């Protein structure tokens, strides 16, 4: 079975916070996980995150896959976008 490094949502309604976790691919987003690598809290600030790089590299060396969001957080290029159900997919601000 495959292992993934991904974000697990925690926090209140309209105030999301995320744990960066290592979990089995088949487990739910908020289900059980194998290890916690850090956190990401866009409610405070989009730059508010902390990830243990040593643990991250250790899990990657063991063959864990990481999601696109986690990879961008590690690179420092992640851009948090607030979900707006009224907007259609791919629609820009001025359209």
Protein backbone atom coordinates (compact mmCIF):
# COMPACT_ATOMS: atom_id res chain seq x y z
CA UNK A 1 0.00 0.00 0.00
CA UNK A 2 1.21 3.48 -0.86
CA UNK A 3 2.05 6.22 1.62
CA UNK A 4 1.35 9.92 0.98
CA UNK A 5 2.51 13.15 2.59
CA UNK A 6 -0.51 15.45 2.53
CA UNK A 7 -2.53 18.10 4.34
CA UNK A 8 -5.15 16.99 6.88
CA UNK A 9 -7.76 19.65 7.58
CA UNK A 10 -8.41 20.71 11.18
CA UNK A 11 -9.88 23.90 12.58
CA UNK A 12 -13.26 25.58 12.58
CA UNK A 13 -15.71 26.33 9.80
CA UNK A 14 -14.40 29.18 7.62
CA UNK A 15 -11.12 29.15 9.59
CA UNK A 16 -9.15 26.21 8.18
CA UNK A 17 -5.87 24.96 9.57
CA UNK A 18 -3.96 21.94 8.32
CA UNK A 19 -1.58 19.34 9.69
CA UNK A 20 1.09 18.05 7.34
CA UNK A 21 0.80 14.29 7.84
CA UNK A 22 2.05 11.00 6.47
CA UNK A 23 -0.88 8.67 5.82
CA UNK A 24 -1.86 5.59 3.88
CA UNK A 25 -3.25 6.59 0.49
CA UNK A 26 -6.54 4.80 1.12
CA UNK A 27 -7.24 6.55 4.46
CA UNK A 28 -9.60 9.53 4.68
CA UNK A 29 -8.36 13.11 4.65
CA UNK A 30 -9.07 13.50 8.37
CA UNK A 31 -8.54 9.84 9.20
CA UNK A 32 -5.64 8.11 10.90
CA UNK A 33 -2.09 8.95 9.97
CA UNK A 34 1.37 7.50 10.53
CA UNK A 35 3.30 10.66 11.45
CA UNK A 36 2.80 14.43 11.81
CA UNK A 37 5.44 16.52 10.03
CA UNK A 38 4.14 19.99 10.79
CA UNK A 39 1.29 22.45 10.33
CA UNK A 40 -0.06 25.08 7.93
CA UNK A 41 -2.40 27.81 9.18
CA UNK A 42 -3.63 30.14 6.41
CA UNK A 43 -6.16 31.75 8.79
CA UNK A 44 -3.34 33.54 10.63
CA UNK A 45 -1.21 34.28 7.59
CA UNK A 46 -0.63 32.47 4.27
CA UNK A 47 3.03 32.22 5.30
CA UNK A 48 2.24 30.59 8.66
CA UNK A 49 3.59 27.06 8.38
CA UNK A 50 6.26 24.82 9.83
CA UNK A 51 7.44 21.47 8.49
CA UNK A 52 10.14 19.19 9.91
CA UNK A 53 12.44 18.89 6.87
CA UNK A 54 14.41 15.97 8.30
CA UNK A 55 11.26 13.86 8.76
CA UNK A 56 10.01 14.95 5.33
CA UNK A 57 13.22 13.83 3.62
CA UNK A 58 13.25 10.59 5.63
CA UNK A 59 9.72 9.68 4.46
CA UNK A 60 10.55 10.70 0.87
CA UNK A 61 13.60 8.42 0.94
CA UNK A 62 11.35 5.55 2.06
CA UNK A 63 9.21 6.09 -1.05
CA UNK A 64 6.39 8.30 0.24
CA UNK A 65 4.68 10.42 -2.38
CA UNK A 66 3.76 14.01 -1.57
CA UNK A 67 0.88 16.09 -2.84
CA UNK A 68 1.38 19.15 -5.00
CA UNK A 69 0.39 21.46 -2.14
CA UNK A 70 2.98 19.96 0.23
CA UNK A 71 5.71 20.15 -2.42
CA UNK A 72 4.92 23.83 -3.02
CA UNK A 73 4.96 24.49 0.75
CA UNK A 74 8.41 22.92 0.94
CA UNK A 75 9.61 25.10 -1.96
CA UNK A 76 7.99 28.19 -0.45
CA UNK A 77 5.88 28.86 -3.58
CA UNK A 78 2.44 27.81 -2.28
CA UNK A 79 -0.32 30.37 -2.85
CA UNK A 80 -3.39 29.88 -0.67
CA UNK A 81 -6.69 30.68 -2.39
CA UNK A 82 -9.86 31.08 -0.35
CA UNK A 83 -12.64 28.88 -1.72
CA UNK A 84 -15.61 30.80 -3.11
CA UNK A 85 -18.50 28.58 -4.26
CA UNK A 86 -20.04 31.45 -6.25
CA UNK A 87 -16.99 31.55 -8.54
CA UNK A 88 -16.75 29.08 -11.36
CA UNK A 89 -13.65 26.95 -11.82
CA UNK A 90 -10.92 28.83 -13.71
CA UNK A 91 -12.67 32.21 -13.45
CA UNK A 92 -10.41 35.17 -12.63
CA UNK A 93 -11.14 38.16 -10.37
CA UNK A 94 -11.97 40.77 -13.03
CA UNK A 95 -14.15 38.61 -15.28
